[in-house]
């Protein structure tokens, strides 16, 4: 092979290697708590044999931080359907945060910080279930938010805990609709509490998770390695190239 063609090919490979980030294998990239026993019946929750947090019109979430660019493919949690629920789906959403104590910008998740949502089918016995979505997230802080009444979902259920809570898990809960007596006509009126707040300690073991693929930036070591290989290959190709004899 002509050494100049050889060099052009290797330069092309080097360019591709330096511009295309290496991709790691997919899987769970964040979990608020490790997996625990599944197939738990709803009766165990009613008898307080296992703890749980209601998932429905009151939204529940957890903050998490990504340290590298990530392609998210699914979000979910350890859930079970409520026996009184008329439908089987809740939603999960990914929300961009500004820092580790931030909340979503809206309680109805209607603001641009909501990056994507998906429907999650609730099981009759507790299990780790998830919904699909595709998001390319930069390093930074985000939140997983779960509930119903938004994004076409009307189901209700319970989020169950993992085997233990991760030390850095930061849970929060959203708006509630409560009934208060009207002081004028004594009629009961629904009052919407429009705020987010940090969850009490009893909420601190629910398992929510993110699945996807971390996409690290190309390292300088990769570029250096290809540069060395390029130099060695070029020298070898040049040394083997035949030199034309002098003209008589």
C-alpha atoms as a PDB file:
ATOM      1  CA  UNK A   1       0.000   0.000   0.000  1.00  0.00           C
ATOM      2  CA  UNK A   2       1.114   3.520  -0.762  1.00  0.00           C
ATOM      3  CA  UNK A   3       2.358   5.035   2.546  1.00  0.00           C
ATOM      4  CA  UNK A   4       0.440   8.236   1.935  1.00  0.00           C
ATOM      5  CA  UNK A   5      -2.798   6.294   1.458  1.00  0.00           C
ATOM      6  CA  UNK A   6      -1.909   4.316   4.574  1.00  0.00           C
ATOM      7  CA  UNK A   7      -1.419   7.531   6.526  1.00  0.00           C
ATOM      8  CA  UNK A   8      -4.710   8.986   5.234  1.00  0.00           C
ATOM      9  CA  UNK A   9      -6.604   5.903   6.396  1.00  0.00           C
ATOM     10  CA  UNK A  10      -5.071   6.013   9.850  1.00  0.00           C
ATOM     11  CA  UNK A  11      -5.711   9.735  10.163  1.00  0.00           C
ATOM     12  CA  UNK A  12      -9.368   9.089   9.345  1.00  0.00           C
ATOM     13  CA  UNK A  13      -9.558   6.425  12.053  1.00  0.00           C
ATOM     14  CA  UNK A  14      -7.905   8.775  14.514  1.00  0.00           C
ATOM     15  CA  UNK A  15     -10.402  11.496  13.710  1.00  0.00           C
ATOM     16  CA  UNK A  16     -13.331   9.152  14.222  1.00  0.00           C
ATOM     17  CA  UNK A  17     -11.905   7.927  17.527  1.00  0.00           C
ATOM     18  CA  UNK A  18     -11.353  11.437  18.836  1.00  0.00           C
ATOM     19  CA  UNK A  19     -14.819  12.702  17.845  1.00  0.00           C
ATOM     20  CA  UNK A  20     -16.922   9.653  18.744  1.00  0.00           C
ATOM     21  CA  UNK A  21     -17.278   9.054  22.495  1.00  0.00           C
ATOM     22  CA  UNK A  22     -16.907   5.544  23.838  1.00  0.00           C
ATOM     23  CA  UNK A  23     -20.203   3.977  24.924  1.00  0.00           C
ATOM     24  CA  UNK A  24     -20.579   1.788  28.000  1.00  0.00           C
ATOM     25  CA  UNK A  25     -23.085  -1.022  28.416  1.00  0.00           C
ATOM     26  CA  UNK A  26     -26.664  -0.129  29.464  1.00  0.00           C
ATOM     27  CA  UNK A  27     -28.329  -0.972  32.757  1.00  0.00           C
ATOM     28  CA  UNK A  28     -29.417   0.707  35.971  1.00  0.00           C
ATOM     29  CA  UNK A  29     -27.563   4.008  36.174  1.00  0.00           C
ATOM     30  CA  UNK A  30     -29.366   5.318  39.271  1.00  0.00           C
ATOM     31  CA  UNK A  31     -31.478   3.773  42.028  1.00  0.00           C
ATOM     32  CA  UNK A  32     -32.743   5.449  45.190  1.00  0.00           C
ATOM     33  CA  UNK A  33     -32.594   2.098  46.998  1.00  0.00           C
ATOM     34  CA  UNK A  34     -31.316  -1.385  46.068  1.00  0.00           C
ATOM     35  CA  UNK A  35     -33.796  -4.116  45.018  1.00  0.00           C
ATOM     36  CA  UNK A  36     -35.706  -5.968  47.726  1.00  0.00           C
ATOM     37  CA  UNK A  37     -38.341  -8.693  47.939  1.00  0.00           C
ATOM     38  CA  UNK A  38     -41.033  -8.505  45.259  1.00  0.00           C
ATOM     39  CA  UNK A  39     -44.399 -10.287  44.750  1.00  0.00           C
ATOM     40  CA  UNK A  40     -45.742  -8.670  47.920  1.00  0.00           C
ATOM     41  CA  UNK A  41     -49.584  -8.642  48.085  1.00  0.00           C
ATOM     42  CA  UNK A  42     -51.474  -5.441  48.871  1.00  0.00           C
ATOM     43  CA  UNK A  43     -52.799  -7.058  52.067  1.00  0.00           C
ATOM     44  CA  UNK A  44     -49.292  -6.889  53.558  1.00  0.00           C
ATOM     45  CA  UNK A  45     -49.392  -3.124  53.130  1.00  0.00           C
ATOM     46  CA  UNK A  46     -52.805  -2.897  54.798  1.00  0.00           C
ATOM     47  CA  UNK A  47     -51.486  -4.913  57.750  1.00  0.00           C
ATOM     48  CA  UNK A  48     -48.352  -2.703  57.964  1.00  0.00           C
ATOM     49  CA  UNK A  49     -46.095  -5.684  57.349  1.00  0.00           C
ATOM     50  CA  UNK A  50     -44.151  -3.657  54.781  1.00  0.00           C
ATOM     51  CA  UNK A  51     -43.889   0.130  54.400  1.00  0.00           C
ATOM     52  CA  UNK A  52     -45.083   1.985  51.350  1.00  0.00           C
ATOM     53  CA  UNK A  53     -45.886   5.416  49.930  1.00  0.00           C
ATOM     54  CA  UNK A  54     -49.118   6.174  48.092  1.00  0.00           C
ATOM     55  CA  UNK A  55     -48.670   7.031  44.409  1.00  0.00           C
ATOM     56  CA  UNK A  56     -51.541   8.937  42.825  1.00  0.00           C
ATOM     57  CA  UNK A  57     -52.702  12.567  42.656  1.00  0.00           C
ATOM     58  CA  UNK A  58     -50.077  13.428  45.240  1.00  0.00           C
ATOM     59  CA  UNK A  59     -46.831  13.391  43.299  1.00  0.00           C
ATOM     60  CA  UNK A  60     -43.713  11.795  44.745  1.00  0.00           C
ATOM     61  CA  UNK A  61     -40.151  12.228  43.551  1.00  0.00           C
ATOM     62  CA  UNK A  62     -36.461  11.843  44.218  1.00  0.00           C
ATOM     63  CA  UNK A  63     -33.467  13.920  43.140  1.00  0.00           C
ATOM     64  CA  UNK A  64     -30.383  12.399  41.517  1.00  0.00           C
ATOM     65  CA  UNK A  65     -27.151  13.609  39.953  1.00  0.00           C
ATOM     66  CA  UNK A  66     -25.514  12.486  36.712  1.00  0.00           C
ATOM     67  CA  UNK A  67     -21.750  12.912  36.448  1.00  0.00           C
ATOM     68  CA  UNK A  68     -21.518  12.186  32.719  1.00  0.00           C
ATOM     69  CA  UNK A  69     -23.675  12.418  29.626  1.00  0.00           C
ATOM     70  CA  UNK A  70     -26.301   9.683  29.724  1.00  0.00           C
ATOM     71  CA  UNK A  71     -28.801   8.193  27.310  1.00  0.00           C
ATOM     72  CA  UNK A  72     -31.877   7.331  29.398  1.00  0.00           C
ATOM     73  CA  UNK A  73     -34.081   4.506  28.101  1.00  0.00           C
ATOM     74  CA  UNK A  74     -36.444   3.631  30.996  1.00  0.00           C
ATOM     75  CA  UNK A  75     -37.543   4.913  34.404  1.00  0.00           C
ATOM     76  CA  UNK A  76     -39.488   3.017  37.037  1.00  0.00           C
ATOM     77  CA  UNK A  77     -39.744   1.783  40.567  1.00  0.00           C
ATOM     78  CA  UNK A  78     -40.970  -0.913  42.942  1.00  0.00           C
ATOM     79  CA  UNK A  79     -44.763  -0.504  42.658  1.00  0.00           C
ATOM     80  CA  UNK A  80     -48.067  -2.248  43.281  1.00  0.00           C
ATOM     81  CA  UNK A  81     -51.563  -1.347  42.078  1.00  0.00           C
ATOM     82  CA  UNK A  82     -54.169  -0.261  44.606  1.00  0.00           C
ATOM     83  CA  UNK A  83     -57.245  -2.571  44.674  1.00  0.00           C
ATOM     84  CA  UNK A  84     -59.538   0.480  44.433  1.00  0.00           C
ATOM     85  CA  UNK A  85     -57.749   1.881  41.372  1.00  0.00           C
ATOM     86  CA  UNK A  86     -59.954   2.041  38.288  1.00  0.00           C
ATOM     87  CA  UNK A  87     -56.980   1.983  35.890  1.00  0.00           C
ATOM     88  CA  UNK A  88     -53.582   0.347  35.964  1.00  0.00           C
ATOM     89  CA  UNK A  89     -51.238   3.156  34.899  1.00  0.00           C
ATOM     90  CA  UNK A  90     -49.319   5.930  36.591  1.00  0.00           C
ATOM     91  CA  UNK A  91     -46.772   8.241  35.014  1.00  0.00           C
ATOM     92  CA  UNK A  92     -43.090   8.772  35.553  1.00  0.00           C
ATOM     93  CA  UNK A  93     -41.329  11.971  34.518  1.00  0.00           C
ATOM     94  CA  UNK A  94     -37.761  13.283  34.357  1.00  0.00           C
ATOM     95  CA  UNK A  95     -37.313  16.900  35.460  1.00  0.00           C
ATOM     96  CA  UNK A  96     -34.207  19.078  35.167  1.00  0.00           C
ATOM     97  CA  UNK A  97     -33.070  20.722  38.419  1.00  0.00           C
ATOM     98  CA  UNK A  98     -30.608  23.546  39.031  1.00  0.00           C
ATOM     99  CA  UNK A  99     -29.004  22.026  42.136  1.00  0.00           C
ATOM    100  CA  UNK A 100     -29.318  19.235  44.686  1.00  0.00           C
ATOM    101  CA  UNK A 101     -32.058  20.888  46.781  1.00  0.00           C
ATOM    102  CA  UNK A 102     -34.119  22.304  43.917  1.00  0.00           C
ATOM    103  CA  UNK A 103     -37.747  21.365  43.164  1.00  0.00           C
ATOM    104  CA  UNK A 104     -39.602  21.147  39.831  1.00  0.00           C
ATOM    105  CA  UNK A 105     -40.742  24.566  38.610  1.00  0.00           C
ATOM    106  CA  UNK A 106     -44.431  23.567  38.550  1.00  0.00           C
ATOM    107  CA  UNK A 107     -46.625  21.265  40.632  1.00  0.00           C
ATOM    108  CA  UNK A 108     -48.578  20.190  37.546  1.00  0.00           C
ATOM    109  CA  UNK A 109     -45.378  19.485  35.583  1.00  0.00           C
ATOM    110  CA  UNK A 110     -46.333  21.890  32.807  1.00  0.00           C
ATOM    111  CA  UNK A 111     -43.069  23.858  32.661  1.00  0.00           C
ATOM    112  CA  UNK A 112     -40.096  23.371  30.281  1.00  0.00           C
ATOM    113  CA  UNK A 113     -37.963  21.781  33.010  1.00  0.00           C
ATOM    114  CA  UNK A 114     -40.013  18.594  32.487  1.00  0.00           C
ATOM    115  CA  UNK A 115     -37.889  16.784  29.908  1.00  0.00           C
ATOM    116  CA  UNK A 116     -39.971  13.691  29.278  1.00  0.00           C
ATOM    117  CA  UNK A 117     -42.627  11.361  30.669  1.00  0.00           C
ATOM    118  CA  UNK A 118     -43.841   7.796  30.281  1.00  0.00           C
ATOM    119  CA  UNK A 119     -46.699   5.554  31.439  1.00  0.00           C
ATOM    120  CA  UNK A 120     -46.004   2.711  33.858  1.00  0.00           C
ATOM    121  CA  UNK A 121     -48.285  -0.316  34.184  1.00  0.00           C
ATOM    122  CA  UNK A 122     -48.871  -1.237  37.835  1.00  0.00           C
ATOM    123  CA  UNK A 123     -48.715  -4.932  38.817  1.00  0.00           C
ATOM    124  CA  UNK A 124     -51.210  -6.703  41.093  1.00  0.00           C
ATOM    125  CA  UNK A 125     -48.285  -8.079  43.129  1.00  0.00           C
ATOM    126  CA  UNK A 126     -45.381  -5.748  43.860  1.00  0.00           C
ATOM    127  CA  UNK A 127     -42.593  -5.717  41.309  1.00  0.00           C
ATOM    128  CA  UNK A 128     -39.944  -3.519  39.719  1.00  0.00           C
ATOM    129  CA  UNK A 129     -41.667  -2.073  36.653  1.00  0.00           C
ATOM    130  CA  UNK A 130     -40.727   0.730  34.266  1.00  0.00           C
ATOM    131  CA  UNK A 131     -41.847   2.751  31.274  1.00  0.00           C
ATOM    132  CA  UNK A 132     -39.789   3.559  28.195  1.00  0.00           C
ATOM    133  CA  UNK A 133     -38.579   6.965  27.070  1.00  0.00           C
ATOM    134  CA  UNK A 134     -35.530   8.334  25.274  1.00  0.00           C
ATOM    135  CA  UNK A 135     -33.588  11.254  26.737  1.00  0.00           C
ATOM    136  CA  UNK A 136     -30.025  12.441  26.185  1.00  0.00           C
ATOM    137  CA  UNK A 137     -29.068  14.070  29.490  1.00  0.00           C
ATOM    138  CA  UNK A 138     -26.030  16.178  30.234  1.00  0.00           C
ATOM    139  CA  UNK A 139     -24.204  16.003  33.586  1.00  0.00           C
ATOM    140  CA  UNK A 140     -26.238  17.737  36.275  1.00  0.00           C
ATOM    141  CA  UNK A 141     -29.118  17.393  38.738  1.00  0.00           C
ATOM    142  CA  UNK A 142     -32.459  15.827  37.831  1.00  0.00           C
ATOM    143  CA  UNK A 143     -35.588  14.474  39.498  1.00  0.00           C
ATOM    144  CA  UNK A 144     -37.786  11.448  38.977  1.00  0.00           C
ATOM    145  CA  UNK A 145     -41.449  12.270  39.647  1.00  0.00           C
ATOM    146  CA  UNK A 146     -44.261   9.685  39.847  1.00  0.00           C
ATOM    147  CA  UNK A 147     -48.027  10.066  40.187  1.00  0.00           C
ATOM    148  CA  UNK A 148     -51.303  10.143  38.258  1.00  0.00           C
ATOM    149  CA  UNK A 149     -53.804  12.639  36.947  1.00  0.00           C
ATOM    150  CA  UNK A 150     -51.304  13.955  34.398  1.00  0.00           C
ATOM    151  CA  UNK A 151     -50.086  12.743  30.986  1.00  0.00           C
ATOM    152  CA  UNK A 152     -53.236  10.673  30.465  1.00  0.00           C
ATOM    153  CA  UNK A 153     -52.925   8.504  33.591  1.00  0.00           C
ATOM    154  CA  UNK A 154     -55.547   7.956  36.315  1.00  0.00           C
ATOM    155  CA  UNK A 155     -54.250   4.961  38.274  1.00  0.00           C
ATOM    156  CA  UNK A 156     -53.195   4.732  41.895  1.00  0.00           C
ATOM    157  CA  UNK A 157     -50.838   2.466  43.752  1.00  0.00           C
ATOM    158  CA  UNK A 158     -48.049   2.269  46.265  1.00  0.00           C
ATOM    159  CA  UNK A 159     -44.289   2.613  45.976  1.00  0.00           C
ATOM    160  CA  UNK A 160     -42.473   0.056  48.100  1.00  0.00           C
ATOM    161  CA  UNK A 161     -39.063   0.284  49.648  1.00  0.00           C
ATOM    162  CA  UNK A 162     -35.784  -1.284  48.678  1.00  0.00           C
ATOM    163  CA  UNK A 163     -33.517  -3.349  50.903  1.00  0.00           C
ATOM    164  CA  UNK A 164     -32.028  -0.090  52.216  1.00  0.00           C
ATOM    165  CA  UNK A 165     -32.001   3.553  51.233  1.00  0.00           C
ATOM    166  CA  UNK A 166     -29.006   5.031  49.455  1.00  0.00           C
ATOM    167  CA  UNK A 167     -27.253   7.582  51.656  1.00  0.00           C
ATOM    168  CA  UNK A 168     -27.632  10.367  49.100  1.00  0.00           C
ATOM    169  CA  UNK A 169     -31.300   9.759  48.196  1.00  0.00           C
ATOM    170  CA  UNK A 170     -33.310  12.976  48.459  1.00  0.00           C
ATOM    171  CA  UNK A 171     -37.078  12.446  48.311  1.00  0.00           C
ATOM    172  CA  UNK A 172     -39.839  15.058  48.007  1.00  0.00           C
ATOM    173  CA  UNK A 173     -43.620  15.124  47.665  1.00  0.00           C
ATOM    174  CA  UNK A 174     -45.977  17.383  45.779  1.00  0.00           C
ATOM    175  CA  UNK A 175     -49.399  18.942  45.869  1.00  0.00           C
ATOM    176  CA  UNK A 176     -52.352  17.526  47.799  1.00  0.00           C
ATOM    177  CA  UNK A 177     -56.049  18.236  47.462  1.00  0.00           C
ATOM    178  CA  UNK A 178     -57.670  18.342  50.907  1.00  0.00           C
ATOM    179  CA  UNK A 179     -61.183  19.110  52.118  1.00  0.00           C
ATOM    180  CA  UNK A 180     -61.694  22.048  54.504  1.00  0.00           C
ATOM    181  CA  UNK A 181     -64.917  23.507  55.912  1.00  0.00           C
ATOM    182  CA  UNK A 182     -65.914  26.822  54.375  1.00  0.00           C
ATOM    183  CA  UNK A 183     -66.333  29.367  57.225  1.00  0.00           C
ATOM    184  CA  UNK A 184     -69.110  31.202  55.311  1.00  0.00           C
ATOM    185  CA  UNK A 185     -71.587  28.491  54.397  1.00  0.00           C
ATOM    186  CA  UNK A 186     -69.938  25.487  56.098  1.00  0.00           C
ATOM    187  CA  UNK A 187     -69.812  23.692  52.753  1.00  0.00           C
ATOM    188  CA  UNK A 188     -66.816  21.463  52.198  1.00  0.00           C
ATOM    189  CA  UNK A 189     -64.490  22.869  49.558  1.00  0.00           C
ATOM    190  CA  UNK A 190     -61.436  21.268  47.958  1.00  0.00           C
ATOM    191  CA  UNK A 191     -58.286  23.269  48.595  1.00  0.00           C
ATOM    192  CA  UNK A 192     -55.252  22.736  46.362  1.00  0.00           C
ATOM    193  CA  UNK A 193     -51.950  22.975  48.215  1.00  0.00           C
ATOM    194  CA  UNK A 194     -49.662  24.258  45.479  1.00  0.00           C
ATOM    195  CA  UNK A 195     -46.137  23.533  46.651  1.00  0.00           C
ATOM    196  CA  UNK A 196     -43.391  20.947  46.918  1.00  0.00           C
ATOM    197  CA  UNK A 197     -41.733  19.904  50.151  1.00  0.00           C
ATOM    198  CA  UNK A 198     -39.046  17.515  51.304  1.00  0.00           C
ATOM    199  CA  UNK A 199     -40.454  14.127  52.274  1.00  0.00           C
ATOM    200  CA  UNK A 200     -40.622  13.049  55.908  1.00  0.00           C
ATOM    201  CA  UNK A 201     -38.310  10.272  57.064  1.00  0.00           C
ATOM    202  CA  UNK A 202     -41.032   7.654  56.555  1.00  0.00           C
ATOM    203  CA  UNK A 203     -40.678   8.180  52.792  1.00  0.00           C
ATOM    204  CA  UNK A 204     -36.950   7.531  52.758  1.00  0.00           C
ATOM    205  CA  UNK A 205     -36.754   3.992  51.424  1.00  0.00           C
ATOM    206  CA  UNK A 206     -38.837   3.871  48.239  1.00  0.00           C
ATOM    207  CA  UNK A 207     -37.094   2.349  45.246  1.00  0.00           C
ATOM    208  CA  UNK A 208     -37.089   4.473  42.093  1.00  0.00           C
ATOM    209  CA  UNK A 209     -34.592   3.869  39.300  1.00  0.00           C
ATOM    210  CA  UNK A 210     -33.253   5.021  35.947  1.00  0.00           C
ATOM    211  CA  UNK A 211     -32.015   2.710  33.206  1.00  0.00           C
ATOM    212  CA  UNK A 212     -29.817   3.781  30.345  1.00  0.00           C
ATOM    213  CA  UNK A 213     -26.296   4.073  29.025  1.00  0.00           C
ATOM    214  CA  UNK A 214     -23.540   6.357  30.213  1.00  0.00           C
ATOM    215  CA  UNK A 215     -21.742   8.046  27.318  1.00  0.00           C
ATOM    216  CA  UNK A 216     -18.403   9.382  28.619  1.00  0.00           C
ATOM    217  CA  UNK A 217     -16.500  12.020  26.703  1.00  0.00           C
ATOM    218  CA  UNK A 218     -13.474  10.808  24.686  1.00  0.00           C
ATOM    219  CA  UNK A 219     -10.415  10.699  26.876  1.00  0.00           C
ATOM    220  CA  UNK A 220      -7.058  12.237  26.041  1.00  0.00           C
ATOM    221  CA  UNK A 221      -5.509   8.788  26.583  1.00  0.00           C
ATOM    222  CA  UNK A 222      -7.526   7.424  23.646  1.00  0.00           C
ATOM    223  CA  UNK A 223      -6.251  10.157  21.363  1.00  0.00           C
ATOM    224  CA  UNK A 224      -2.661   9.672  22.579  1.00  0.00           C
ATOM    225  CA  UNK A 225      -2.813   5.912  21.970  1.00  0.00           C
ATOM    226  CA  UNK A 226      -4.035   6.364  18.397  1.00  0.00           C
ATOM    227  CA  UNK A 227      -1.369   8.985  17.789  1.00  0.00           C
ATOM    228  CA  UNK A 228       1.369   6.546  18.797  1.00  0.00           C
ATOM    229  CA  UNK A 229      -0.119   3.786  16.642  1.00  0.00           C
ATOM    230  CA  UNK A 230      -0.377   6.189  13.714  1.00  0.00           C
ATOM    231  CA  UNK A 231       3.263   7.245  14.006  1.00  0.00           C
ATOM    232  CA  UNK A 232       4.559   3.675  14.227  1.00  0.00           C
ATOM    233  CA  UNK A 233       2.421   2.507  11.301  1.00  0.00           C
ATOM    234  CA  UNK A 234       3.525   5.417   9.126  1.00  0.00           C
ATOM    235  CA  UNK A 235       7.213   4.809   9.838  1.00  0.00           C
ATOM    236  CA  UNK A 236       6.852   1.135   9.009  1.00  0.00           C
ATOM    237  CA  UNK A 237       4.974   1.818   5.780  1.00  0.00           C
ATOM    238  CA  UNK A 238       7.553   4.410   4.702  1.00  0.00           C
ATOM    239  CA  UNK A 239      10.515   2.129   5.425  1.00  0.00           C
ATOM    240  CA  UNK A 240       8.992  -0.649   3.312  1.00  0.00           C
ATOM    241  CA  UNK A 241       8.211   1.583   0.360  1.00  0.00           C
ATOM    242  CA  UNK A 242      10.541   0.731  -2.576  1.00  0.00           C
ATOM    243  CA  UNK A 243      12.922   3.474  -3.682  1.00  0.00           C
ATOM    244  CA  UNK A 244      13.187   3.936  -7.433  1.00  0.00           C
ATOM    245  CA  UNK A 245      16.709   3.276  -8.852  1.00  0.00           C
ATOM    246  CA  UNK A 246      18.576   6.310 -10.199  1.00  0.00           C
ATOM    247  CA  UNK A 247      18.161   7.037 -13.890  1.00  0.00           C
ATOM    248  CA  UNK A 248      21.075   5.980 -16.159  1.00  0.00           C
END
